[in-house]
Amino acid sequence: MARCSNCQAPLDAGTLVCAYCGNRTDIDLRGIHHYTTHDTDSPRICPRCDVTLKTINLTQQGRFLIERCETCFGLFFDPGELEALLEATVKNVFEIDRVRLNAISTDRQADQHPVTYLKCPTCSQLMHRVNFGAKSGVVVDRCREHGVWLDGGELRQLFEWMKLGGLLLEQERQEQQRKEAEKREQEQRQKLQGYSDAPTRFDRYGDPLRQSDPDLFEIITKAIRIFF
């Protein structure tokens, strides 16, 4: 359980603000990674606070630079960096704890920010809100070209998600989706093959009848039924 950096009181899940002393704590990086802050500011802007982000080096397998807001503790990752950090940080997970994964979102407090679309720190275009993996409970803000934004506290929840086998569950879900897609594709091919194997009927000129062409036998049969 995360604790307040000021009074050491336990912090409720999903919150950065201590209910006892009101202190805001960076629960994502405190006690998890050693990092250094670069003197020069990043040109990127925090989508929450509209202030310049700071570039920090997580020293994860050498040089690992990301951007962080020193006001709200939000983090911005270039494409692929978040996944690389999660895999490098949480290892040797071989089982899925489905019970705790189901509870990980229930135990978490309501989102500290109202639901809104944020601007990308790099290009200022509105980002997409995307559920990160199965059962993680984290909705990230993603710019397809420039990267992923996490609000303060969300990285720690993703670490917990990984430890409970969340990545294994996501891989299991993707494999199931792949099998279902292959099954649908196979059924569609079989259906089309059935159409192609159906006997072809021809009109009086020897040309194959189109689906919209009337069948003379059917017309005569209907006429006989009407008049007789």
Protein backbone atom coordinates (compact mmCIF):
# COMPACT_ATOMS: atom_id res chain seq x y z
CA MET A 1 0.00 0.00 0.00
CA ALA A 2 1.27 3.47 -0.92
CA ARG A 3 1.90 5.89 1.94
CA CYS A 4 2.00 9.67 2.18
CA SER A 5 5.53 11.03 1.75
CA ASN A 6 4.83 13.64 4.45
CA CYS A 7 3.02 11.85 7.31
CA GLN A 8 3.32 8.18 6.21
CA ALA A 9 -0.43 7.65 6.44
CA PRO A 10 -1.80 5.04 4.00
CA LEU A 11 -3.13 6.48 0.76
CA ASP A 12 -6.42 5.26 -0.61
CA ALA A 13 -6.12 3.36 -3.89
CA GLY A 14 -6.22 5.63 -6.91
CA THR A 15 -5.48 8.89 -5.08
CA LEU A 16 -2.35 11.00 -4.69
CA VAL A 17 -3.66 13.30 -1.97
CA CYS A 18 -3.38 12.30 1.68
CA ALA A 19 -6.72 12.41 3.49
CA TYR A 20 -4.93 13.31 6.76
CA CYS A 21 -2.47 16.08 5.89
CA GLY A 22 -3.46 17.01 2.33
CA ASN A 23 0.01 16.31 0.93
CA ARG A 24 0.28 15.21 -2.71
CA THR A 25 2.59 12.21 -3.20
CA ASP A 26 4.24 10.90 -6.33
CA ILE A 27 3.30 7.23 -5.86
CA ASP A 28 4.35 6.19 -9.37
CA LEU A 29 8.10 6.62 -9.05
CA ARG A 30 8.72 6.90 -5.31
CA GLY A 31 10.41 3.77 -4.07
CA ILE A 32 10.17 2.11 -7.48
CA HIS A 33 12.78 3.78 -9.67
CA HIS A 34 15.83 5.93 -9.21
CA TYR A 35 15.69 8.80 -11.63
CA THR A 36 17.41 12.06 -12.45
CA THR A 37 15.81 15.27 -13.70
CA HIS A 38 17.37 17.10 -16.60
CA ASP A 39 18.00 20.82 -16.16
CA THR A 40 16.53 21.74 -19.54
CA ASP A 41 12.76 21.70 -19.81
CA SER A 42 11.00 19.56 -22.36
CA PRO A 43 9.16 21.43 -25.15
CA ARG A 44 6.12 19.34 -24.31
CA ILE A 45 3.21 20.77 -22.31
CA CYS A 46 1.22 19.04 -19.57
CA PRO A 47 -2.34 18.46 -20.86
CA ARG A 48 -3.70 18.81 -17.31
CA CYS A 49 -1.81 21.79 -15.89
CA ASP A 50 -0.68 23.60 -19.07
CA VAL A 51 2.89 23.86 -17.76
CA THR A 52 6.16 22.69 -19.30
CA LEU A 53 6.99 19.06 -18.62
CA LYS A 54 10.30 18.00 -17.10
CA THR A 55 12.45 15.37 -18.76
CA ILE A 56 13.56 12.63 -16.39
CA ASN A 57 15.85 9.66 -16.87
CA LEU A 58 14.63 6.49 -15.17
CA THR A 59 18.06 4.89 -15.66
CA GLN A 60 16.24 1.73 -16.67
CA GLN A 61 18.80 -0.37 -18.56
CA GLY A 62 20.81 2.75 -19.27
CA ARG A 63 19.18 5.89 -20.66
CA PHE A 64 15.38 5.87 -20.42
CA LEU A 65 13.91 9.35 -20.87
CA ILE A 66 10.26 10.23 -20.25
CA GLU A 67 8.42 13.46 -19.42
CA ARG A 68 6.73 14.27 -16.11
CA CYS A 69 4.62 17.12 -14.77
CA GLU A 70 5.93 18.29 -11.41
CA THR A 71 2.47 19.64 -10.49
CA CYS A 72 0.12 16.70 -11.13
CA PHE A 73 2.80 13.97 -11.52
CA GLY A 74 1.39 12.88 -14.88
CA LEU A 75 3.78 11.00 -17.18
CA PHE A 76 4.21 11.03 -20.94
CA PHE A 77 5.77 8.09 -22.79
CA ASP A 78 6.90 7.92 -26.39
CA PRO A 79 5.35 5.06 -28.44
CA GLY A 80 6.43 1.69 -27.04
CA GLU A 81 8.12 3.12 -23.93
CA LEU A 82 5.32 2.32 -21.49
CA GLU A 83 5.17 -1.32 -22.57
CA ALA A 84 8.97 -1.58 -22.38
CA LEU A 85 9.02 -0.12 -18.85
CA LEU A 86 6.29 -2.47 -17.61
CA GLU A 87 8.03 -5.55 -19.00
CA ALA A 88 11.42 -4.48 -17.64
CA THR A 89 10.04 -3.67 -14.18
CA VAL A 90 7.70 -6.60 -13.52
CA LYS A 91 9.15 -10.02 -14.34
CA ASN A 92 8.63 -13.71 -13.55
CA VAL A 93 4.82 -13.61 -13.55
CA PHE A 94 3.47 -17.01 -14.56
CA GLU A 95 -0.08 -17.10 -13.14
CA ILE A 96 -3.25 -15.03 -13.50
CA ASP A 97 -4.89 -13.96 -10.24
CA ARG A 98 -8.37 -13.44 -11.67
CA VAL A 99 -10.03 -12.68 -8.33
CA ARG A 100 -7.69 -9.80 -7.50
CA LEU A 101 -7.70 -8.56 -11.08
CA ASN A 102 -11.49 -8.32 -10.93
CA ALA A 103 -11.18 -6.30 -7.71
CA ILE A 104 -8.36 -3.99 -8.82
CA SER A 105 -10.78 -1.50 -10.37
CA THR A 106 -13.43 -1.89 -7.66
CA ASP A 107 -10.96 -1.01 -4.91
CA ARG A 108 -9.71 2.01 -6.81
CA GLN A 109 -11.36 5.34 -6.06
CA ALA A 110 -13.29 7.17 -8.73
CA ASP A 111 -11.13 8.95 -11.29
CA GLN A 112 -9.48 11.99 -9.74
CA HIS A 113 -10.18 13.96 -12.93
CA PRO A 114 -13.47 14.43 -14.79
CA VAL A 115 -13.74 12.46 -18.03
CA THR A 116 -12.45 14.67 -20.83
CA TYR A 117 -10.32 14.45 -23.95
CA LEU A 118 -6.79 15.75 -23.45
CA LYS A 119 -4.46 17.38 -25.94
CA CYS A 120 -1.27 15.60 -26.92
CA PRO A 121 1.72 17.25 -25.15
CA THR A 122 3.56 17.29 -28.49
CA CYS A 123 1.12 18.13 -31.28
CA SER A 124 -1.81 19.52 -29.22
CA GLN A 125 -4.31 17.31 -31.07
CA LEU A 126 -6.97 15.60 -28.96
CA MET A 127 -5.87 12.14 -27.84
CA HIS A 128 -7.97 8.97 -27.80
CA ARG A 129 -9.07 7.42 -24.51
CA VAL A 130 -8.09 3.74 -24.57
CA ASN A 131 -8.53 0.95 -22.01
CA PHE A 132 -5.07 -0.43 -21.32
CA GLY A 133 -5.29 -4.22 -21.41
CA ALA A 134 -7.89 -6.50 -19.86
CA LYS A 135 -8.94 -5.75 -16.26
CA SER A 136 -6.31 -3.04 -15.67
CA GLY A 137 -8.90 -0.40 -14.78
CA VAL A 138 -6.68 2.26 -16.39
CA VAL A 139 -7.89 4.40 -19.29
CA VAL A 140 -4.85 5.98 -20.94
CA ASP A 141 -4.80 8.97 -23.27
CA ARG A 142 -3.04 8.02 -26.50
CA CYS A 143 -1.73 9.95 -29.49
CA ARG A 144 -1.06 7.41 -32.22
CA GLU A 145 1.99 9.34 -33.45
CA HIS A 146 3.61 10.71 -30.28
CA GLY A 147 2.79 8.49 -27.31
CA VAL A 148 0.75 7.81 -24.18
CA TRP A 149 -0.21 10.04 -21.24
CA LEU A 150 -0.79 8.58 -17.76
CA ASP A 151 -2.31 10.60 -14.94
CA GLY A 152 -0.57 10.47 -11.58
CA GLY A 153 -1.04 7.10 -9.86
CA GLU A 154 -1.94 5.17 -13.01
CA LEU A 155 1.57 3.81 -13.59
CA ARG A 156 1.59 2.22 -10.14
CA GLN A 157 -1.76 0.58 -10.87
CA LEU A 158 -0.36 -0.83 -14.09
CA PHE A 159 2.57 -2.27 -12.13
CA GLU A 160 0.07 -3.97 -9.81
CA TRP A 161 -1.91 -5.19 -12.82
CA MET A 162 1.23 -6.75 -14.26
CA LYS A 163 2.09 -8.49 -10.98
CA LEU A 164 -1.38 -10.06 -10.85
CA GLY A 165 -0.95 -11.55 -14.31
CA GLY A 166 -2.73 -8.80 -16.23
CA LEU A 167 -0.41 -9.05 -19.21
CA LEU A 168 -0.94 -12.82 -19.37
CA LEU A 169 -4.70 -12.25 -19.29
CA GLU A 170 -4.43 -9.68 -22.08
CA GLN A 171 -2.40 -12.09 -24.20
CA GLU A 172 -5.00 -14.78 -23.53
CA ARG A 173 -7.77 -12.41 -24.60
CA GLN A 174 -5.94 -11.45 -27.81
CA GLU A 175 -5.36 -15.12 -28.67
CA GLN A 176 -9.08 -15.83 -28.17
CA GLN A 177 -9.98 -12.89 -30.42
CA ARG A 178 -7.56 -14.19 -33.07
CA LYS A 179 -9.15 -17.66 -32.98
CA GLU A 180 -12.67 -16.21 -33.22
CA ALA A 181 -11.63 -14.04 -36.18
CA GLU A 182 -10.13 -17.08 -37.94
CA LYS A 183 -13.31 -19.05 -37.27
CA ARG A 184 -15.50 -16.29 -38.74
CA GLU A 185 -13.23 -16.05 -41.77
CA GLN A 186 -13.36 -19.81 -42.30
CA GLU A 187 -17.16 -19.84 -42.03
CA GLN A 188 -17.37 -17.01 -44.55
CA ARG A 189 -15.11 -18.90 -46.99
CA GLN A 190 -17.25 -22.02 -46.59
CA LYS A 191 -20.39 -19.99 -47.20
CA LEU A 192 -18.94 -18.47 -50.37
CA GLN A 193 -17.76 -21.90 -51.48
CA GLY A 194 -21.31 -23.19 -51.02
CA TYR A 195 -22.62 -20.46 -53.31
CA SER A 196 -20.04 -21.29 -55.96
CA ASP A 197 -20.95 -25.01 -55.82
CA ALA A 198 -24.67 -24.37 -56.38
CA PRO A 199 -25.95 -25.47 -59.83
CA THR A 200 -26.13 -22.67 -62.34
CA ARG A 201 -29.40 -22.09 -64.23
CA PHE A 202 -29.53 -20.58 -67.71
CA ASP A 203 -32.03 -18.43 -69.60
CA ARG A 204 -33.47 -19.18 -73.05
CA TYR A 205 -30.36 -17.80 -74.70
CA GLY A 206 -28.00 -20.01 -72.79
CA ASP A 207 -26.74 -17.22 -70.54
CA PRO A 208 -26.51 -17.84 -66.78
CA LEU A 209 -29.41 -16.34 -64.84
CA ARG A 210 -28.52 -13.47 -62.55
CA GLN A 211 -29.90 -13.44 -59.05
CA SER A 212 -32.39 -10.78 -60.07
CA ASP A 213 -33.50 -12.56 -63.29
CA PRO A 214 -36.95 -14.21 -63.09
CA ASP A 215 -37.11 -17.99 -63.32
CA LEU A 216 -39.61 -18.94 -66.11
CA PHE A 217 -40.58 -22.18 -64.40
CA GLU A 218 -41.36 -20.33 -61.16
CA ILE A 219 -43.46 -17.76 -63.05
CA ILE A 220 -45.50 -20.47 -64.80
CA THR A 221 -45.95 -22.38 -61.54
CA LYS A 222 -47.26 -19.27 -59.77
CA ALA A 223 -49.63 -18.51 -62.66
CA ILE A 224 -51.07 -22.03 -62.55
CA ARG A 225 -51.66 -21.71 -58.82
CA ILE A 226 -53.48 -18.40 -59.32
CA PHE A 227 -55.81 -19.51 -62.14
CA PHE A 228 -56.35 -23.12 -61.17
